[in-house]
PDB file of N, CA and C in Angstrom:
ATOM      1  N   UNK A   1      58.853 154.583 -91.636  1.00  0.00           N
ATOM      2  CA  UNK A   1      59.051 153.168 -91.863  1.00  0.00           C
ATOM      3  C   UNK A   1      60.430 152.764 -91.361  1.00  0.00           C
ATOM      4  N   UNK A   2      60.487 151.637 -90.719  1.00  0.00           N
ATOM      5  CA  UNK A   2      61.759 151.167 -90.176  1.00  0.00           C
ATOM      6  C   UNK A   2      62.486 150.391 -91.255  1.00  0.00           C
ATOM      7  N   UNK A   3      63.677 150.859 -91.643  1.00  0.00           N
ATOM      8  CA  UNK A   3      64.391 150.169 -92.699  1.00  0.00           C
ATOM      9  C   UNK A   3      65.886 150.064 -92.444  1.00  0.00           C
ATOM     10  N   UNK A   4      66.332 150.393 -91.241  1.00  0.00           N
ATOM     11  CA  UNK A   4      67.748 150.229 -90.960  1.00  0.00           C
ATOM     12  C   UNK A   4      67.958 149.812 -89.513  1.00  0.00           C
ATOM     13  N   UNK A   5      69.178 149.381 -89.233  1.00  0.00           N
ATOM     14  CA  UNK A   5      69.515 148.840 -87.917  1.00  0.00           C
ATOM     15  C   UNK A   5      69.295 149.863 -86.810  1.00  0.00           C
ATOM     16  N   UNK A   6      69.652 151.116 -87.030  1.00  0.00           N
ATOM     17  CA  UNK A   6      69.474 152.141 -85.998  1.00  0.00           C
ATOM     18  C   UNK A   6      68.012 152.318 -85.625  1.00  0.00           C
ATOM     19  N   UNK A   7      67.132 152.252 -86.615  1.00  0.00           N
ATOM     20  CA  UNK A   7      65.703 152.384 -86.341  1.00  0.00           C
ATOM     21  C   UNK A   7      65.189 151.204 -85.537  1.00  0.00           C
ATOM     22  N   UNK A   8      65.675 150.005 -85.855  1.00  0.00           N
ATOM     23  CA  UNK A   8      65.268 148.804 -85.124  1.00  0.00           C
ATOM     24  C   UNK A   8      65.738 148.909 -83.677  1.00  0.00           C
ATOM     25  N   UNK A   9      66.978 149.320 -83.494  1.00  0.00           N
ATOM     26  CA  UNK A   9      67.511 149.477 -82.138  1.00  0.00           C
ATOM     27  C   UNK A   9      66.720 150.524 -81.363  1.00  0.00           C
ATOM     28  N   UNK A  10      66.377 151.618 -82.002  1.00  0.00           N
ATOM     29  CA  UNK A  10      65.598 152.677 -81.350  1.00  0.00           C
ATOM     30  C   UNK A  10      64.221 152.173 -80.948  1.00  0.00           C
ATOM     31  N   UNK A  11      63.603 151.388 -81.817  1.00  0.00           N
ATOM     32  CA  UNK A  11      62.286 150.851 -81.517  1.00  0.00           C
ATOM     33  C   UNK A  11      62.350 149.863 -80.348  1.00  0.00           C
ATOM     34  N   UNK A  12      63.375 149.021 -80.324  1.00  0.00           N
ATOM     35  CA  UNK A  12      63.532 148.079 -79.214  1.00  0.00           C
ATOM     36  C   UNK A  12      63.773 148.810 -77.897  1.00  0.00           C
ATOM     37  N   UNK A  13      64.553 149.871 -77.937  1.00  0.00           N
ATOM     38  CA  UNK A  13      64.766 150.682 -76.732  1.00  0.00           C
ATOM     39  C   UNK A  13      63.459 151.299 -76.251  1.00  0.00           C
ATOM     40  N   UNK A  14      62.652 151.779 -77.182  1.00  0.00           N
ATOM     41  CA  UNK A  14      61.363 152.369 -76.836  1.00  0.00           C
ATOM     42  C   UNK A  14      60.426 151.320 -76.236  1.00  0.00           C
ATOM     43  N   UNK A  15      60.385 150.130 -76.835  1.00  0.00           N
ATOM     44  CA  UNK A  15      59.556 149.053 -76.286  1.00  0.00           C
ATOM     45  C   UNK A  15      59.997 148.685 -74.877  1.00  0.00           C
ATOM     46  N   UNK A  16      61.300 148.591 -74.686  1.00  0.00           N
ATOM     47  CA  UNK A  16      61.835 148.272 -73.364  1.00  0.00           C
ATOM     48  C   UNK A  16      61.475 149.337 -72.336  1.00  0.00           C
ATOM     49  N   UNK A  17      61.558 150.585 -72.756  1.00  0.00           N
ATOM     50  CA  UNK A  17      61.201 151.694 -71.862  1.00  0.00           C
ATOM     51  C   UNK A  17      59.724 151.622 -71.487  1.00  0.00           C
ATOM     52  N   UNK A  18      58.884 151.357 -72.469  1.00  0.00           N
ATOM     53  CA  UNK A  18      57.443 151.249 -72.198  1.00  0.00           C
ATOM     54  C   UNK A  18      57.131 150.069 -71.293  1.00  0.00           C
ATOM     55  N   UNK A  19      57.835 148.971 -71.506  1.00  0.00           N
ATOM     56  CA  UNK A  19      57.645 147.798 -70.653  1.00  0.00           C
ATOM     57  C   UNK A  19      58.019 148.133 -69.210  1.00  0.00           C
ATOM     58  N   UNK A  20      59.133 148.807 -69.045  1.00  0.00           N
ATOM     59  CA  UNK A  20      59.581 149.201 -67.700  1.00  0.00           C
ATOM     60  C   UNK A  20      58.548 150.105 -67.026  1.00  0.00           C
ATOM     61  N   UNK A  21      58.059 151.095 -67.786  1.00  0.00           N
ATOM     62  CA  UNK A  21      57.055 152.020 -67.239  1.00  0.00           C
ATOM     63  C   UNK A  21      55.777 151.275 -66.832  1.00  0.00           C
ATOM     64  N   UNK A  22      55.364 150.326 -67.654  1.00  0.00           N
ATOM     65  CA  UNK A  22      54.151 149.552 -67.340  1.00  0.00           C
ATOM     66  C   UNK A  22      54.366 148.695 -66.088  1.00  0.00           C
ATOM     67  N   UNK A  23      55.551 148.112 -65.974  1.00  0.00           N
ATOM     68  CA  UNK A  23      55.871 147.301 -64.786  1.00  0.00           C
ATOM     69  C   UNK A  23      55.883 148.166 -63.533  1.00  0.00           C
ATOM     70  N   UNK A  24      56.493 149.333 -63.626  1.00  0.00           N
ATOM     71  CA  UNK A  24      56.561 150.224 -62.469  1.00  0.00           C
ATOM     72  C   UNK A  24      55.180 150.760 -62.096  1.00  0.00           C
ATOM     73  N   UNK A  25      54.341 150.987 -63.090  1.00  0.00           N
ATOM     74  CA  UNK A  25      52.979 151.458 -62.819  1.00  0.00           C
ATOM     75  C   UNK A  25      52.200 150.413 -62.022  1.00  0.00           C
ATOM     76  N   UNK A  26      52.578 149.147 -62.195  1.00  0.00           N
ATOM     77  CA  UNK A  26      51.955 148.056 -61.443  1.00  0.00           C
ATOM     78  C   UNK A  26      52.668 147.821 -60.108  1.00  0.00           C
ATOM     79  N   UNK A  27      53.706 148.597 -59.860  1.00  0.00           N
ATOM     80  CA  UNK A  27      54.484 148.504 -58.629  1.00  0.00           C
ATOM     81  C   UNK A  27      55.070 147.102 -58.428  1.00  0.00           C
ATOM     82  N   UNK A  28      55.603 146.539 -59.516  1.00  0.00           N
ATOM     83  CA  UNK A  28      56.220 145.215 -59.462  1.00  0.00           C
ATOM     84  C   UNK A  28      57.723 145.338 -59.665  1.00  0.00           C
ATOM     85  N   UNK A  29      58.452 144.495 -58.982  1.00  0.00           N
ATOM     86  CA  UNK A  29      59.900 144.454 -59.148  1.00  0.00           C
ATOM     87  C   UNK A  29      60.245 143.686 -60.417  1.00  0.00           C
ATOM     88  N   UNK A  30      61.465 143.874 -60.891  1.00  0.00           N
ATOM     89  CA  UNK A  30      61.924 143.098 -62.043  1.00  0.00           C
ATOM     90  C   UNK A  30      61.892 141.609 -61.704  1.00  0.00           C
ATOM     91  N   UNK A  31      62.277 141.277 -60.502  1.00  0.00           N
ATOM     92  CA  UNK A  31      62.311 139.876 -60.061  1.00  0.00           C
ATOM     93  C   UNK A  31      60.923 139.238 -60.178  1.00  0.00           C
ATOM     94  N   UNK A  32      59.908 139.917 -59.660  1.00  0.00           N
ATOM     95  CA  UNK A  32      58.552 139.375 -59.680  1.00  0.00           C
ATOM     96  C   UNK A  32      58.023 139.266 -61.113  1.00  0.00           C
ATOM     97  N   UNK A  33      58.221 140.303 -61.899  1.00  0.00           N
ATOM     98  CA  UNK A  33      57.719 140.277 -63.276  1.00  0.00           C
ATOM     99  C   UNK A  33      58.438 139.200 -64.079  1.00  0.00           C
ATOM    100  N   UNK A  34      59.735 139.056 -63.861  1.00  0.00           N
ATOM    101  CA  UNK A  34      60.512 138.017 -64.545  1.00  0.00           C
ATOM    102  C   UNK A  34      59.987 136.634 -64.185  1.00  0.00           C
ATOM    103  N   UNK A  35      59.676 136.411 -62.906  1.00  0.00           N
ATOM    104  CA  UNK A  35      59.125 135.125 -62.481  1.00  0.00           C
ATOM    105  C   UNK A  35      57.809 134.847 -63.189  1.00  0.00           C
ATOM    106  N   UNK A  36      56.968 135.850 -63.308  1.00  0.00           N
ATOM    107  CA  UNK A  36      55.679 135.684 -63.980  1.00  0.00           C
ATOM    108  C   UNK A  36      55.866 135.317 -65.455  1.00  0.00           C
ATOM    109  N   UNK A  37      56.960 135.781 -66.051  1.00  0.00           N
ATOM    110  CA  UNK A  37      57.259 135.467 -67.448  1.00  0.00           C
ATOM    111  C   UNK A  37      58.027 134.154 -67.595  1.00  0.00           C
ATOM    112  N   UNK A  38      58.510 133.620 -66.477  1.00  0.00           N
ATOM    113  CA  UNK A  38      59.323 132.415 -66.547  1.00  0.00           C
ATOM    114  C   UNK A  38      60.750 132.701 -66.979  1.00  0.00           C
ATOM    115  N   UNK A  39      61.216 133.911 -66.674  1.00  0.00           N
ATOM    116  CA  UNK A  39      62.570 134.340 -67.031  1.00  0.00           C
ATOM    117  C   UNK A  39      63.386 134.602 -65.776  1.00  0.00           C
ATOM    118  N   UNK A  40      64.696 134.678 -65.958  1.00  0.00           N
ATOM    119  CA  UNK A  40      65.540 135.155 -64.860  1.00  0.00           C
ATOM    120  C   UNK A  40      65.424 136.669 -64.813  1.00  0.00           C
ATOM    121  N   UNK A  41      65.802 137.258 -63.693  1.00  0.00           N
ATOM    122  CA  UNK A  41      65.768 138.712 -63.590  1.00  0.00           C
ATOM    123  C   UNK A  41      66.715 139.334 -64.608  1.00  0.00           C
ATOM    124  N   UNK A  42      67.852 138.684 -64.829  1.00  0.00           N
ATOM    125  CA  UNK A  42      68.832 139.205 -65.782  1.00  0.00           C
ATOM    126  C   UNK A  42      68.273 139.214 -67.206  1.00  0.00           C
ATOM    127  N   UNK A  43      67.590 138.137 -67.581  1.00  0.00           N
ATOM    128  CA  UNK A  43      66.992 138.082 -68.925  1.00  0.00           C
ATOM    129  C   UNK A  43      65.916 139.149 -69.077  1.00  0.00           C
ATOM    130  N   UNK A  44      65.120 139.317 -68.020  1.00  0.00           N
ATOM    131  CA  UNK A  44      64.084 140.342 -68.076  1.00  0.00           C
ATOM    132  C   UNK A  44      64.708 141.736 -68.155  1.00  0.00           C
ATOM    133  N   UNK A  45      65.779 141.956 -67.424  1.00  0.00           N
ATOM    134  CA  UNK A  45      66.463 143.246 -67.453  1.00  0.00           C
ATOM    135  C   UNK A  45      66.944 143.561 -68.866  1.00  0.00           C
ATOM    136  N   UNK A  46      67.475 142.563 -69.567  1.00  0.00           N
ATOM    137  CA  UNK A  46      67.913 142.767 -70.958  1.00  0.00           C
ATOM    138  C   UNK A  46      66.729 143.123 -71.850  1.00  0.00           C
ATOM    139  N   UNK A  47      65.583 142.548 -71.544  1.00  0.00           N
ATOM    140  CA  UNK A  47      64.373 142.855 -72.307  1.00  0.00           C
ATOM    141  C   UNK A  47      64.018 144.331 -72.161  1.00  0.00           C
ATOM    142  N   UNK A  48      64.060 144.841 -70.926  1.00  0.00           N
ATOM    143  CA  UNK A  48      63.770 146.259 -70.684  1.00  0.00           C
ATOM    144  C   UNK A  48      64.809 147.165 -71.323  1.00  0.00           C
ATOM    145  N   UNK A  49      66.015 146.644 -71.548  1.00  0.00           N
ATOM    146  CA  UNK A  49      67.072 147.440 -72.168  1.00  0.00           C
ATOM    147  C   UNK A  49      67.021 147.372 -73.689  1.00  0.00           C
ATOM    148  N   UNK A  50      66.042 146.630 -74.226  1.00  0.00           N
ATOM    149  CA  UNK A  50      65.865 146.581 -75.674  1.00  0.00           C
ATOM    150  C   UNK A  50      66.749 145.589 -76.389  1.00  0.00           C
ATOM    151  N   UNK A  51      67.090 144.497 -75.730  1.00  0.00           N
ATOM    152  CA  UNK A  51      67.938 143.492 -76.360  1.00  0.00           C
ATOM    153  C   UNK A  51      67.255 142.886 -77.579  1.00  0.00           C
ATOM    154  N   UNK A  52      67.956 142.829 -78.711  1.00  0.00           N
ATOM    155  CA  UNK A  52      67.375 142.226 -79.908  1.00  0.00           C
ATOM    156  C   UNK A  52      67.299 140.700 -79.809  1.00  0.00           C
ATOM    157  N   UNK A  53      67.893 140.128 -78.783  1.00  0.00           N
ATOM    158  CA  UNK A  53      67.880 138.678 -78.613  1.00  0.00           C
ATOM    159  C   UNK A  53      66.669 138.179 -77.833  1.00  0.00           C
ATOM    160  N   UNK A  54      65.815 139.097 -77.391  1.00  0.00           N
ATOM    161  CA  UNK A  54      64.614 138.709 -76.652  1.00  0.00           C
ATOM    162  C   UNK A  54      63.637 138.031 -77.605  1.00  0.00           C
ATOM    163  N   UNK A  55      63.156 136.874 -77.213  1.00  0.00           N
ATOM    164  CA  UNK A  55      62.209 136.128 -78.042  1.00  0.00           C
ATOM    165  C   UNK A  55      60.870 136.854 -78.115  1.00  0.00           C
ATOM    166  N   UNK A  56      60.244 136.785 -79.282  1.00  0.00           N
ATOM    167  CA  UNK A  56      58.954 137.443 -79.468  1.00  0.00           C
ATOM    168  C   UNK A  56      57.917 136.866 -78.504  1.00  0.00           C
ATOM    169  N   UNK A  57      58.056 135.593 -78.179  1.00  0.00           N
ATOM    170  CA  UNK A  57      57.136 134.970 -77.230  1.00  0.00           C
ATOM    171  C   UNK A  57      57.176 135.631 -75.865  1.00  0.00           C
ATOM    172  N   UNK A  58      58.339 136.118 -75.467  1.00  0.00           N
ATOM    173  CA  UNK A  58      58.451 136.819 -74.181  1.00  0.00           C
ATOM    174  C   UNK A  58      57.736 138.167 -74.233  1.00  0.00           C
ATOM    175  N   UNK A  59      57.828 138.841 -75.389  1.00  0.00           N
ATOM    176  CA  UNK A  59      57.111 140.110 -75.545  1.00  0.00           C
ATOM    177  C   UNK A  59      55.602 139.874 -75.510  1.00  0.00           C
ATOM    178  N   UNK A  60      55.156 138.798 -76.158  1.00  0.00           N
ATOM    179  CA  UNK A  60      53.722 138.484 -76.154  1.00  0.00           C
ATOM    180  C   UNK A  60      53.249 138.115 -74.754  1.00  0.00           C
ATOM    181  N   UNK A  61      54.046 137.343 -74.034  1.00  0.00           N
ATOM    182  CA  UNK A  61      53.680 136.968 -72.668  1.00  0.00           C
ATOM    183  C   UNK A  61      53.606 138.204 -71.774  1.00  0.00           C
ATOM    184  N   UNK A  62      54.564 139.107 -71.905  1.00  0.00           N
ATOM    185  CA  UNK A  62      54.547 140.342 -71.114  1.00  0.00           C
ATOM    186  C   UNK A  62      53.322 141.172 -71.461  1.00  0.00           C
ATOM    187  N   UNK A  63      53.005 141.250 -72.737  1.00  0.00           N
ATOM    188  CA  UNK A  63      51.818 141.994 -73.169  1.00  0.00           C
ATOM    189  C   UNK A  63      50.554 141.386 -72.596  1.00  0.00           C
ATOM    190  N   UNK A  64      50.509 140.072 -72.540  1.00  0.00           N
ATOM    191  CA  UNK A  64      49.350 139.381 -71.973  1.00  0.00           C
ATOM    192  C   UNK A  64      49.197 139.706 -70.490  1.00  0.00           C
ATOM    193  N   UNK A  65      50.285 139.657 -69.745  1.00  0.00           N
ATOM    194  CA  UNK A  65      50.262 139.978 -68.314  1.00  0.00           C
ATOM    195  C   UNK A  65      49.765 141.405 -68.095  1.00  0.00           C
ATOM    196  N   UNK A  66      50.170 142.301 -68.989  1.00  0.00           N
ATOM    197  CA  UNK A  66      49.801 143.712 -68.862  1.00  0.00           C
ATOM    198  C   UNK A  66      48.442 144.026 -69.478  1.00  0.00           C
ATOM    199  N   UNK A  67      47.765 143.006 -70.000  1.00  0.00           N
ATOM    200  CA  UNK A  67      46.448 143.223 -70.601  1.00  0.00           C
ATOM    201  C   UNK A  67      46.511 143.946 -71.933  1.00  0.00           C
ATOM    202  N   UNK A  68      47.616 143.794 -72.650  1.00  0.00           N
ATOM    203  CA  UNK A  68      47.815 144.512 -73.915  1.00  0.00           C
ATOM    204  C   UNK A  68      48.034 143.572 -75.092  1.00  0.00           C
ATOM    205  N   UNK A  69      47.666 142.307 -74.942  1.00  0.00           N
ATOM    206  CA  UNK A  69      47.908 141.323 -75.997  1.00  0.00           C
ATOM    207  C   UNK A  69      47.180 141.683 -77.289  1.00  0.00           C
ATOM    208  N   UNK A  70      46.000 142.268 -77.184  1.00  0.00           N
ATOM    209  CA  UNK A  70      45.238 142.653 -78.381  1.00  0.00           C
ATOM    210  C   UNK A  70      45.964 143.697 -79.225  1.00  0.00           C
ATOM    211  N   UNK A  71      46.891 144.419 -78.622  1.00  0.00           N
ATOM    212  CA  UNK A  71      47.639 145.432 -79.368  1.00  0.00           C
ATOM    213  C   UNK A  71      48.496 144.810 -80.472  1.00  0.00           C
ATOM    214  N   UNK A  72      48.792 143.523 -80.378  1.00  0.00           N
ATOM    215  CA  UNK A  72      49.615 142.828 -81.368  1.00  0.00           C
ATOM    216  C   UNK A  72      48.788 142.377 -82.572  1.00  0.00           C
ATOM    217  N   UNK A  73      47.489 142.529 -82.505  1.00  0.00           N
ATOM    218  CA  UNK A  73      46.593 142.028 -83.540  1.00  0.00           C
ATOM    219  C   UNK A  73      46.960 142.531 -84.937  1.00  0.00           C
ATOM    220  N   UNK A  74      47.399 143.763 -85.048  1.00  0.00           N
ATOM    221  CA  UNK A  74      47.667 144.347 -86.365  1.00  0.00           C
ATOM    222  C   UNK A  74      49.127 144.273 -86.796  1.00  0.00           C
ATOM    223  N   UNK A  75      49.964 143.666 -85.980  1.00  0.00           N
ATOM    224  CA  UNK A  75      51.373 143.543 -86.356  1.00  0.00           C
ATOM    225  C   UNK A  75      51.471 142.636 -87.575  1.00  0.00           C
ATOM    226  N   UNK A  76      52.084 143.120 -88.604  1.00  0.00           N
ATOM    227  CA  UNK A  76      52.259 142.429 -89.876  1.00  0.00           C
ATOM    228  C   UNK A  76      50.940 142.097 -90.576  1.00  0.00           C
ATOM    229  N   UNK A  77      49.875 142.772 -90.185  1.00  0.00           N
ATOM    230  CA  UNK A  77      48.597 142.572 -90.869  1.00  0.00           C
ATOM    231  C   UNK A  77      48.685 143.176 -92.265  1.00  0.00           C
ATOM    232  N   UNK A  78      47.950 142.597 -93.174  1.00  0.00           N
ATOM    233  CA  UNK A  78      47.931 143.098 -94.540  1.00  0.00           C
ATOM    234  C   UNK A  78      47.348 144.504 -94.553  1.00  0.00           C
ATOM    235  N   UNK A  79      48.020 145.401 -95.257  1.00  0.00           N
ATOM    236  CA  UNK A  79      47.532 146.770 -95.343  1.00  0.00           C
ATOM    237  C   UNK A  79      46.268 146.801 -96.180  1.00  0.00           C
ATOM    238  N   UNK A  80      45.330 147.602 -95.735  1.00  0.00           N
ATOM    239  CA  UNK A  80      44.053 147.693 -96.432  1.00  0.00           C
ATOM    240  C   UNK A  80      44.110 148.796 -97.472  1.00  0.00           C
ATOM    241  N   UNK A  81      43.854 148.436 -98.709  1.00  0.00           N
ATOM    242  CA  UNK A  81      43.769 149.382 -99.804  1.00  0.00           C
ATOM    243  C   UNK A  81      42.288 149.636-100.055  1.00  0.00           C
ATOM    244  N   UNK A  82      41.815 150.814 -99.697  1.00  0.00           N
ATOM    245  CA  UNK A  82      40.395 151.110 -99.801  1.00  0.00           C
ATOM    246  C   UNK A  82      39.867 151.022-101.228  1.00  0.00           C
ATOM    247  N   UNK A  83      40.692 151.407-102.211  1.00  0.00           N
ATOM    248  CA  UNK A  83      40.255 151.332-103.606  1.00  0.00           C
ATOM    249  C   UNK A  83      40.110 149.875-104.047  1.00  0.00           C
ATOM    250  N   UNK A  84      41.053 149.029-103.656  1.00  0.00           N
ATOM    251  CA  UNK A  84      40.964 147.609-103.999  1.00  0.00           C
ATOM    252  C   UNK A  84      39.761 146.977-103.311  1.00  0.00           C
ATOM    253  N   UNK A  85      39.492 147.380-102.089  1.00  0.00           N
ATOM    254  CA  UNK A  85      38.339 146.855-101.355  1.00  0.00           C
ATOM    255  C   UNK A  85      37.041 147.235-102.075  1.00  0.00           C
ATOM    256  N   UNK A  86      36.957 148.456-102.548  1.00  0.00           N
ATOM    257  CA  UNK A  86      35.776 148.918-103.283  1.00  0.00           C
ATOM    258  C   UNK A  86      35.614 148.115-104.574  1.00  0.00           C
ATOM    259  N   UNK A  87      36.702 147.876-105.298  1.00  0.00           N
ATOM    260  CA  UNK A  87      36.642 147.104-106.540  1.00  0.00           C
ATOM    261  C   UNK A  87      36.184 145.673-106.271  1.00  0.00           C
ATOM    262  N   UNK A  88      36.680 145.065-105.198  1.00  0.00           N
ATOM    263  CA  UNK A  88      36.253 143.706-104.844  1.00  0.00           C
ATOM    264  C   UNK A  88      34.763 143.679-104.544  1.00  0.00           C
ATOM    265  N   UNK A  89      34.304 144.694-103.853  1.00  0.00           N
ATOM    266  CA  UNK A  89      32.893 144.755-103.497  1.00  0.00           C
ATOM    267  C   UNK A  89      32.035 144.907-104.752  1.00  0.00           C
ATOM    268  N   UNK A  90      32.483 145.732-105.690  1.00  0.00           N
ATOM    269  CA  UNK A  90      31.743 145.952-106.928  1.00  0.00           C
ATOM    270  C   UNK A  90      31.710 144.691-107.800  1.00  0.00           C
ATOM    271  N   UNK A  91      32.800 143.943-107.789  1.00  0.00           N
ATOM    272  CA  UNK A  91      32.902 142.798-108.691  1.00  0.00           C
ATOM    273  C   UNK A  91      32.262 141.530-108.124  1.00  0.00           C
ATOM    274  N   UNK A  92      31.839 141.542-106.883  1.00  0.00           N
ATOM    275  CA  UNK A  92      31.186 140.368-106.314  1.00  0.00           C
ATOM    276  C   UNK A  92      29.857 140.138-107.007  1.00  0.00           C
ATOM    277  N   UNK A  93      29.539 138.890-107.150  1.00  0.00           N
ATOM    278  CA  UNK A  93      28.275 138.526-107.779  1.00  0.00           C
ATOM    279  C   UNK A  93      27.130 138.964-106.883  1.00  0.00           C
ATOM    280  N   UNK A  94      26.181 139.604-107.468  1.00  0.00           N
ATOM    281  CA  UNK A  94      25.023 140.070-106.721  1.00  0.00           C
ATOM    282  C   UNK A  94      23.906 139.030-106.823  1.00  0.00           C
ATOM    283  N   UNK A  95      23.131 138.924-105.788  1.00  0.00           N
ATOM    284  CA  UNK A  95      21.982 138.027-105.816  1.00  0.00           C
ATOM    285  C   UNK A  95      20.930 138.613-106.745  1.00  0.00           C
ATOM    286  N   UNK A  96      20.278 137.732-107.427  1.00  0.00           N
ATOM    287  CA  UNK A  96      19.200 138.171-108.320  1.00  0.00           C
ATOM    288  C   UNK A  96      18.035 138.638-107.465  1.00  0.00           C
ATOM    289  N   UNK A  97      17.446 139.725-107.842  1.00  0.00           N
ATOM    290  CA  UNK A  97      16.312 140.256-107.090  1.00  0.00           C
ATOM    291  C   UNK A  97      15.004 139.631-107.556  1.00  0.00           C
ATOM    292  N   UNK A  98      14.003 139.833-106.799  1.00  0.00           N
ATOM    293  CA  UNK A  98      12.670 139.362-107.167  1.00  0.00           C
ATOM    294  C   UNK A  98      12.417 137.921-106.736  1.00  0.00           C
ATOM    295  N   UNK A  99      11.202 137.532-106.877  1.00  0.00           N
ATOM    296  CA  UNK A  99      10.796 136.196-106.466  1.00  0.00           C
ATOM    297  C   UNK A  99      10.755 135.273-107.672  1.00  0.00           C
ATOM    298  N   UNK A 100      11.063 134.049-107.432  1.00  0.00           N
ATOM    299  CA  UNK A 100      10.946 133.044-108.495  1.00  0.00           C
ATOM    300  C   UNK A 100       9.503 132.606-108.631  1.00  0.00           C
ATOM    301  N   UNK A 101       9.135 132.288-109.850  1.00  0.00           N
ATOM    302  CA  UNK A 101       7.745 131.860-110.104  1.00  0.00           C
ATOM    303  C   UNK A 101       7.641 130.379-110.233  1.00  0.00           C
TER     304      UNK A 101
END
């Protein structure tokens, strides 16, 4: 679990590294990818370096370009407690069986 500044910085560096690798795998320059994001090359370069000042919207746009937008679906999603889910299912009102006369 990330709970301190060093962990956040490490995660941002890792994201930046992965972004760079994905861009290079597409054989795109920083200039071209930055243009596609609507950023300057310098701003995009800071993004690859893990700058904490990068807007989340830029990360989402980059993910969309790379076809990875669905990967954000579970970010900050409510954790599923299987026992609570079972209790909710048990406590739901059941339909009465049989036919009415």
